[in-house]
Amino acid sequence: MSAGHHGHSHQDEHEHEHHHHGHRQDRGAPGHEHGAGHPPRAHHGLRHRLSHRVAHLLKPHSHASTDKVDPALESSARGIRTLWISLAVLGVTAVAQAAVVAVSGSVALLGDTVHNAADALTAVPLGIAFVLGRRAATRRFTYGYGRAEDLAGLAIVLTIAASAVFAGWTAVDRLFAPRPVEHIPIVAAAAVIGFAGNEWVARYRIRVGREIGSAALVADGLHARTDGFTSLAVLLGAGGAALGWQLADPVVGLAITVALLLVLRDAAREVFRRVMDAIDPELVDTAERALREVPGVQAVGELRLRWIGHRLRAEVAVVVDGEASVRQAHGIAVEAEHALLHAVPGLTAALVHADPSPAPGETDPHLALAHHTAA
């Protein structure tokens, strides 16, 4: 590897080792190294030593992995907290609706209750994924366990699909064997409760999911939002039943099924793109703009971004002066990584490779790799 190849992860404890240079850098203090640029302790005045100790107590900046505050871990904690809160809200909503289903016999409300219960239970695999994703990388799982979150997203998609099948089957069965809905005012009240609970949870999950970059959490929020609108559909069904239309309840049940199929399409597309390493092109544009503004970067070569759970990683090649020393090229690579970390939301690690600018008559430095690239 070229000496200008710089990579540094701010993600997991095992990833704090520099890949090629042994360079260590704390994200809270970019470019800072203990022992670099500090005079010997004997030459520190008493006041300086005291202030230094106080600074360590108030804001530790040790390079030890156990002392590091990782924003990615903080985002995982936010995700877990979001799941627990939404689980409690949806659990209360589902229990209240189930009690009404028992006395009313509303198939539309039954479908909505099942959806709410299923939506609440999707917090379990996603919560496990968030906890698992906080584990440090190992020699076997060198990128960590962030992919568990994407697998949880697949479980959420399957849950939505199962809910749609159940709602459709129940509605069709009731079409062929209709029965009157009892306690219509209570059913209407339960539908309103279902909408309020689901919409609150949907807003909460989607907002946090987008802030921390979790496609699975966003998909779960979309599921909750659809359940909220199906609760309104239950309200319409109760109104139709009150007017004497006996088939209103199963017809609304079918409408709920269609709504679930629509959200299934959106959630499946979101999760599928994440599993396939799709990235928002705007993030690529943002990264390229940030790199071009770094002093010493003459051009930006191949740039790759990928999500691993809710953590974003980057790999990029930049062109620098061919006459630059190894230290100068490394310095440019560090500044390039620093610029990316500030410019690209959700980015926790970047691997920057410095390529020398071509000189007339010079052999391509990557010629030895050409046949591997072609393969």
Protein backbone atom coordinates (compact mmCIF):
# COMPACT_ATOMS: atom_id res chain seq x y z
CA MET A 1 0.00 0.00 0.00
CA SER A 2 1.16 3.52 -0.66
CA ALA A 3 2.32 5.57 2.26
CA GLY A 4 -0.31 8.13 1.44
CA HIS A 5 -3.03 5.64 2.19
CA HIS A 6 -4.80 6.88 5.29
CA GLY A 7 -7.74 5.31 7.03
CA HIS A 8 -9.19 5.88 10.46
CA SER A 9 -12.39 4.59 11.99
CA HIS A 10 -14.36 6.41 14.68
CA GLN A 11 -16.75 3.52 14.97
CA ASP A 12 -15.78 0.61 17.20
CA GLU A 13 -13.02 0.01 19.68
CA HIS A 14 -11.11 -2.42 17.49
CA GLU A 15 -11.34 -0.04 14.55
CA HIS A 16 -9.43 2.73 16.28
CA GLU A 17 -6.18 1.18 15.12
CA HIS A 18 -4.80 2.95 12.05
CA HIS A 19 -4.83 0.59 9.10
CA HIS A 20 -1.47 1.46 7.62
CA HIS A 21 0.37 4.11 9.60
CA GLY A 22 -0.32 3.47 13.25
CA HIS A 23 -1.79 6.98 13.34
CA ARG A 24 -4.23 7.60 16.19
CA GLN A 25 -6.64 10.48 16.32
CA ASP A 26 -9.50 11.29 18.67
CA ARG A 27 -12.57 12.57 16.89
CA GLY A 28 -13.20 15.04 19.65
CA ALA A 29 -9.77 16.54 19.06
CA PRO A 30 -8.83 16.11 15.39
CA GLY A 31 -5.16 15.85 14.66
CA HIS A 32 -4.19 15.81 18.34
CA GLU A 33 -1.60 13.31 19.54
CA HIS A 34 -0.25 12.94 23.03
CA GLY A 35 3.38 13.61 23.15
CA ALA A 36 3.37 15.56 19.91
CA GLY A 37 4.12 19.23 20.32
CA HIS A 38 3.93 19.15 24.16
CA PRO A 39 6.97 20.27 26.18
CA PRO A 40 8.29 17.86 28.81
CA ARG A 41 6.22 17.76 32.01
CA ALA A 42 9.12 19.17 34.00
CA HIS A 43 8.80 22.43 32.08
CA HIS A 44 5.07 22.81 32.74
CA GLY A 45 4.17 25.37 35.33
CA LEU A 46 1.97 24.41 38.25
CA ARG A 47 -0.94 26.38 36.84
CA HIS A 48 -0.67 24.64 33.48
CA ARG A 49 -0.57 21.18 35.07
CA LEU A 50 -3.63 21.94 37.18
CA SER A 51 -5.59 23.30 34.23
CA HIS A 52 -4.55 20.29 32.17
CA ARG A 53 -5.85 17.90 34.84
CA VAL A 54 -9.12 19.83 35.18
CA ALA A 55 -9.54 19.74 31.40
CA HIS A 56 -9.10 15.98 31.46
CA LEU A 57 -11.71 15.64 34.17
CA LEU A 58 -14.25 17.81 32.37
CA LYS A 59 -13.58 16.56 28.85
CA PRO A 60 -11.35 13.49 28.65
CA HIS A 61 -9.50 13.14 25.37
CA SER A 62 -7.62 9.93 25.92
CA HIS A 63 -6.85 7.91 22.83
CA ALA A 64 -7.63 4.68 24.65
CA SER A 65 -10.62 3.00 23.05
CA THR A 66 -12.28 2.47 26.43
CA ASP A 67 -12.28 6.23 27.09
CA LYS A 68 -13.71 7.27 23.75
CA VAL A 69 -17.25 8.64 23.41
CA ASP A 70 -18.46 7.27 20.07
CA PRO A 71 -21.27 9.21 18.35
CA ALA A 72 -22.31 5.97 16.62
CA LEU A 73 -22.82 4.33 20.01
CA GLU A 74 -24.79 7.38 21.15
CA SER A 75 -27.03 7.02 18.09
CA SER A 76 -27.55 3.34 18.94
CA ALA A 77 -28.62 4.36 22.43
CA ARG A 78 -31.09 6.83 20.91
CA GLY A 79 -32.47 4.09 18.70
CA ILE A 80 -32.93 1.73 21.64
CA ARG A 81 -34.60 4.45 23.70
CA THR A 82 -36.95 5.22 20.79
CA LEU A 83 -37.91 1.56 20.51
CA TRP A 84 -38.67 1.20 24.21
CA ILE A 85 -40.85 4.31 24.29
CA SER A 86 -42.74 3.41 21.12
CA LEU A 87 -43.15 -0.18 22.33
CA ALA A 88 -44.84 1.09 25.49
CA VAL A 89 -47.14 3.46 23.59
CA LEU A 90 -48.19 0.88 21.00
CA GLY A 91 -48.58 -1.80 23.67
CA VAL A 92 -51.05 0.33 25.61
CA THR A 93 -52.88 1.17 22.37
CA ALA A 94 -53.14 -2.49 21.32
CA VAL A 95 -54.40 -3.61 24.73
CA ALA A 96 -57.09 -0.92 24.73
CA GLN A 97 -58.21 -1.89 21.23
CA ALA A 98 -58.18 -5.62 22.01
CA ALA A 99 -60.60 -5.03 24.86
CA VAL A 100 -62.97 -3.27 22.48
CA VAL A 101 -62.63 -6.05 19.86
CA ALA A 102 -63.69 -8.60 22.47
CA VAL A 103 -67.01 -6.85 23.10
CA SER A 104 -67.73 -5.44 19.62
CA GLY A 105 -66.71 -8.18 17.19
CA SER A 106 -65.35 -5.60 14.68
CA VAL A 107 -63.13 -7.34 12.14
CA ALA A 108 -61.69 -4.03 10.97
CA LEU A 109 -60.72 -3.14 14.52
CA LEU A 110 -59.33 -6.66 14.98
CA GLY A 111 -57.09 -6.16 11.96
CA ASP A 112 -55.97 -2.78 13.27
CA THR A 113 -55.26 -4.28 16.71
CA VAL A 114 -53.17 -7.06 15.20
CA HIS A 115 -51.21 -4.50 13.18
CA ASN A 116 -50.53 -2.43 16.28
CA ALA A 117 -49.40 -5.49 18.22
CA ALA A 118 -47.17 -6.61 15.35
CA ASP A 119 -45.76 -3.11 15.01
CA ALA A 120 -44.96 -3.07 18.72
CA LEU A 121 -43.27 -6.48 18.51
CA THR A 122 -41.01 -5.38 15.64
CA ALA A 123 -39.20 -3.35 18.29
CA VAL A 124 -37.79 -6.63 19.65
CA PRO A 125 -35.58 -7.71 16.70
CA LEU A 126 -34.64 -4.11 15.99
CA GLY A 127 -33.68 -3.54 19.62
CA ILE A 128 -31.55 -6.70 19.56
CA ALA A 129 -29.89 -5.43 16.39
CA PHE A 130 -29.08 -2.06 17.99
CA VAL A 131 -27.55 -3.77 21.02
CA LEU A 132 -25.61 -6.23 18.85
CA GLY A 133 -24.39 -3.40 16.63
CA ARG A 134 -22.69 -1.76 19.61
CA ARG A 135 -20.30 -4.68 20.01
CA ALA A 136 -16.73 -4.04 19.00
CA ALA A 137 -15.37 -5.40 15.74
CA THR A 138 -13.43 -8.66 15.90
CA ARG A 139 -10.94 -10.45 13.69
CA ARG A 140 -13.85 -12.42 12.21
CA PHE A 141 -16.35 -9.54 11.97
CA THR A 142 -13.86 -6.85 11.04
CA TYR A 143 -16.59 -4.30 10.19
CA GLY A 144 -18.49 -4.97 13.40
CA TYR A 145 -22.08 -6.15 13.73
CA GLY A 146 -23.94 -3.23 12.18
CA ARG A 147 -25.47 -5.44 9.48
CA ALA A 148 -27.71 -6.96 12.16
CA GLU A 149 -29.78 -3.79 11.87
CA ASP A 150 -30.34 -4.40 8.16
CA LEU A 151 -31.41 -7.99 8.91
CA ALA A 152 -33.89 -6.59 11.44
CA GLY A 153 -35.23 -4.39 8.66
CA LEU A 154 -35.92 -7.53 6.63
CA ALA A 155 -37.77 -8.98 9.63
CA ILE A 156 -39.90 -5.83 9.78
CA VAL A 157 -40.77 -6.15 6.09
CA LEU A 158 -41.81 -9.77 6.63
CA THR A 159 -43.94 -8.69 9.60
CA ILE A 160 -45.74 -6.10 7.49
CA ALA A 161 -46.34 -8.74 4.82
CA ALA A 162 -47.77 -11.17 7.40
CA SER A 163 -50.05 -8.44 8.76
CA ALA A 164 -51.35 -7.72 5.26
CA VAL A 165 -52.10 -11.40 4.66
CA PHE A 166 -53.91 -11.74 7.98
CA ALA A 167 -55.98 -8.59 7.45
CA GLY A 168 -56.94 -9.65 3.93
CA TRP A 169 -57.89 -13.19 4.94
CA THR A 170 -60.01 -11.95 7.86
CA ALA A 171 -61.81 -9.35 5.73
CA VAL A 172 -62.60 -11.83 2.94
CA ASP A 173 -63.88 -14.35 5.47
CA ARG A 174 -66.19 -11.71 6.97
CA LEU A 175 -67.47 -10.75 3.51
CA PHE A 176 -68.80 -14.29 3.06
CA ALA A 177 -70.01 -14.54 6.66
CA PRO A 178 -71.02 -11.02 7.69
CA ARG A 179 -72.07 -10.24 11.21
CA PRO A 180 -73.19 -6.97 12.82
CA VAL A 181 -70.75 -4.75 14.66
CA GLU A 182 -71.79 -4.03 18.23
CA HIS A 183 -70.91 -1.10 20.49
CA ILE A 184 -70.19 1.15 17.53
CA PRO A 185 -69.37 4.28 19.63
CA ILE A 186 -66.73 2.32 21.54
CA VAL A 187 -65.26 1.00 18.28
CA ALA A 188 -65.06 4.56 16.97
CA ALA A 189 -63.30 5.71 20.15
CA ALA A 190 -60.84 2.81 19.93
CA ALA A 191 -60.10 3.76 16.31
CA VAL A 192 -59.29 7.33 17.35
CA ILE A 193 -57.00 6.02 20.10
CA GLY A 194 -55.28 3.77 17.56
CA PHE A 195 -54.69 6.64 15.17
CA ALA A 196 -53.28 8.94 17.86
CA GLY A 197 -50.92 6.30 19.25
CA ASN A 198 -49.66 5.17 15.87
CA GLU A 199 -49.15 8.64 14.43
CA TRP A 200 -47.16 9.74 17.47
CA VAL A 201 -44.97 6.64 17.29
CA ALA A 202 -44.58 7.03 13.50
CA ARG A 203 -43.37 10.63 13.80
CA TYR A 204 -40.99 9.69 16.60
CA ARG A 205 -39.49 6.65 14.86
CA ILE A 206 -39.13 8.32 11.46
CA ARG A 207 -37.54 11.45 12.93
CA VAL A 208 -34.99 9.55 15.03
CA GLY A 209 -34.39 7.01 12.25
CA ARG A 210 -33.52 9.75 9.77
CA GLU A 211 -31.36 11.58 12.29
CA ILE A 212 -29.26 8.50 13.09
CA GLY A 213 -29.42 7.05 9.56
CA SER A 214 -31.35 3.87 10.40
CA ALA A 215 -33.36 2.57 7.44
CA ALA A 216 -34.87 -0.15 9.62
CA LEU A 217 -36.18 2.37 12.14
CA VAL A 218 -37.61 4.54 9.36
CA ALA A 219 -39.34 1.47 7.89
CA ASP A 220 -40.78 0.69 11.30
CA GLY A 221 -42.05 4.26 11.51
CA LEU A 222 -43.71 3.94 8.11
CA HIS A 223 -45.41 0.79 9.35
CA ALA A 224 -46.76 2.66 12.37
CA ARG A 225 -47.99 5.52 10.19
CA THR A 226 -49.93 3.16 7.97
CA ASP A 227 -51.50 1.56 11.03
CA GLY A 228 -52.56 5.04 12.08
CA PHE A 229 -54.40 5.61 8.81
CA THR A 230 -55.96 2.16 9.01
CA SER A 231 -57.32 3.20 12.39
CA LEU A 232 -59.07 6.07 10.64
CA ALA A 233 -60.41 3.56 8.15
CA VAL A 234 -61.85 1.61 11.07
CA LEU A 235 -63.57 4.81 12.14
CA LEU A 236 -65.14 5.06 8.68
CA GLY A 237 -66.23 1.44 8.93
CA ALA A 238 -67.89 2.12 12.26
CA GLY A 239 -69.70 5.06 10.67
CA GLY A 240 -70.91 2.86 7.81
CA ALA A 241 -72.12 0.23 10.25
CA ALA A 242 -73.99 2.90 12.21
CA LEU A 243 -75.80 3.82 8.98
CA GLY A 244 -76.88 0.21 8.52
CA TRP A 245 -74.34 -0.92 5.90
CA GLN A 246 -73.40 -4.37 7.22
CA LEU A 247 -70.54 -4.87 4.76
CA ALA A 248 -68.83 -1.63 5.76
CA ASP A 249 -66.63 -3.41 8.30
CA PRO A 250 -65.13 -6.09 5.99
CA VAL A 251 -64.82 -3.59 3.12
CA VAL A 252 -62.75 -1.33 5.36
CA GLY A 253 -60.75 -4.42 6.33
CA LEU A 254 -59.88 -4.88 2.66
CA ALA A 255 -58.92 -1.22 2.41
CA ILE A 256 -56.57 -1.76 5.34
CA THR A 257 -55.00 -4.66 3.45
CA VAL A 258 -54.38 -2.46 0.41
CA ALA A 259 -52.81 0.23 2.61
CA LEU A 260 -50.53 -2.35 4.19
CA LEU A 261 -49.45 -3.59 0.76
CA LEU A 262 -48.53 -0.02 -0.21
CA VAL A 263 -46.42 0.53 2.88
CA LEU A 264 -44.92 -2.93 2.35
CA ARG A 265 -43.72 -1.77 -1.06
CA ASP A 266 -42.13 1.39 0.37
CA ALA A 267 -40.54 -0.36 3.35
CA ALA A 268 -39.23 -3.23 1.23
CA ARG A 269 -37.67 -0.80 -1.23
CA GLU A 270 -36.01 1.16 1.61
CA VAL A 271 -34.59 -1.94 3.28
CA PHE A 272 -33.60 -3.60 -0.01
CA ARG A 273 -31.61 -0.53 -1.04
CA ARG A 274 -29.80 -0.51 2.30
CA VAL A 275 -28.95 -4.20 2.08
CA MET A 276 -27.64 -3.63 -1.47
CA ASP A 277 -25.42 -0.73 -0.28
CA ALA A 278 -27.44 1.91 -2.13
CA ILE A 279 -26.60 5.48 -1.13
CA ASP A 280 -28.24 8.85 -1.61
CA PRO A 281 -26.39 10.48 -4.57
CA GLU A 282 -26.54 13.80 -2.74
CA LEU A 283 -24.22 12.37 -0.08
CA VAL A 284 -21.72 11.50 -2.81
CA ASP A 285 -21.94 15.04 -4.19
CA THR A 286 -21.45 16.48 -0.71
CA ALA A 287 -18.39 14.32 -0.10
CA GLU A 288 -16.82 15.26 -3.44
CA ARG A 289 -17.35 18.98 -2.80
CA ALA A 290 -15.77 18.70 0.64
CA LEU A 291 -12.74 16.85 -0.73
CA ARG A 292 -12.12 19.34 -3.53
CA GLU A 293 -11.90 22.15 -0.97
CA VAL A 294 -9.09 20.43 0.96
CA PRO A 295 -5.72 22.16 0.34
CA GLY A 296 -3.41 19.81 -1.54
CA VAL A 297 -6.16 17.72 -3.13
CA GLN A 298 -5.80 18.17 -6.88
CA ALA A 299 -8.58 15.78 -7.91
CA VAL A 300 -11.00 13.25 -6.48
CA GLY A 301 -10.85 9.73 -7.86
CA GLU A 302 -13.03 6.76 -6.98
CA LEU A 303 -15.38 7.50 -4.08
CA ARG A 304 -17.48 4.86 -2.36
CA LEU A 305 -19.95 5.21 0.49
CA ARG A 306 -21.83 2.44 2.27
CA TRP A 307 -24.14 2.10 5.25
CA ILE A 308 -23.45 -0.58 7.83
CA GLY A 309 -26.55 -0.39 9.98
CA HIS A 310 -26.85 3.32 10.81
CA ARG A 311 -23.13 3.97 10.40
CA LEU A 312 -21.73 5.37 7.19
CA ARG A 313 -18.25 4.52 5.89
CA ALA A 314 -16.29 6.04 3.02
CA GLU A 315 -13.43 4.94 0.78
CA VAL A 316 -11.87 7.46 -1.57
CA ALA A 317 -8.75 8.08 -3.66
CA VAL A 318 -7.47 11.65 -3.96
CA VAL A 319 -4.74 12.97 -6.26
CA VAL A 320 -1.92 14.93 -4.60
CA ASP A 321 1.34 16.48 -5.79
CA GLY A 322 3.60 13.70 -7.04
CA GLU A 323 6.61 15.40 -5.49
CA ALA A 324 5.06 15.56 -2.02
CA SER A 325 6.80 13.66 0.74
CA VAL A 326 5.19 10.74 2.50
CA ARG A 327 4.44 12.95 5.50
CA GLN A 328 2.93 15.67 3.33
CA ALA A 329 0.73 13.18 1.48
CA HIS A 330 -0.33 11.68 4.79
CA GLY A 331 -1.19 15.12 6.13
CA ILE A 332 -3.39 15.81 3.12
CA ALA A 333 -5.11 12.44 3.62
CA VAL A 334 -5.80 13.30 7.27
CA GLU A 335 -7.28 16.67 6.30
CA ALA A 336 -9.39 14.98 3.63
CA GLU A 337 -10.78 12.52 6.17
CA HIS A 338 -11.41 15.35 8.62
CA ALA A 339 -13.31 17.31 5.97
CA LEU A 340 -15.46 14.28 5.14
CA LEU A 341 -16.33 13.64 8.78
CA HIS A 342 -17.57 17.21 9.12
CA ALA A 343 -19.37 17.41 5.77
CA VAL A 344 -21.15 14.07 5.45
CA PRO A 345 -23.91 13.40 8.01
CA GLY A 346 -23.64 10.03 9.70
CA LEU A 347 -20.09 9.33 8.51
CA THR A 348 -18.06 7.53 11.19
CA ALA A 349 -15.04 6.28 9.25
CA ALA A 350 -13.14 7.14 6.08
CA LEU A 351 -10.29 5.43 4.26
CA VAL A 352 -8.37 7.94 2.13
CA HIS A 353 -5.80 6.83 -0.45
CA ALA A 354 -3.40 9.45 -1.81
CA ASP A 355 -2.40 8.98 -5.48
CA PRO A 356 0.50 10.97 -6.96
CA SER A 357 -0.33 13.28 -9.83
CA PRO A 358 0.93 11.76 -13.11
CA ALA A 359 4.20 12.98 -14.59
CA PRO A 360 5.06 12.92 -18.33
CA GLY A 361 6.41 9.51 -19.32
CA GLU A 362 5.82 8.03 -15.87
CA THR A 363 4.48 4.48 -15.65
CA ASP A 364 1.04 4.14 -14.12
CA PRO A 365 1.71 3.34 -10.43
CA HIS A 366 -1.32 1.06 -10.42
CA LEU A 367 -0.24 -0.94 -13.47
CA ALA A 368 0.49 -4.03 -11.36
CA LEU A 369 -3.16 -4.08 -10.28
CA ALA A 370 -4.65 -3.68 -13.76
CA HIS A 371 -5.34 -7.37 -14.34
CA HIS A 372 -7.08 -7.65 -10.93
CA THR A 373 -9.27 -4.65 -11.76
CA ALA A 374 -10.21 -6.14 -15.14
CA ALA A 375 -11.20 -9.38 -13.45
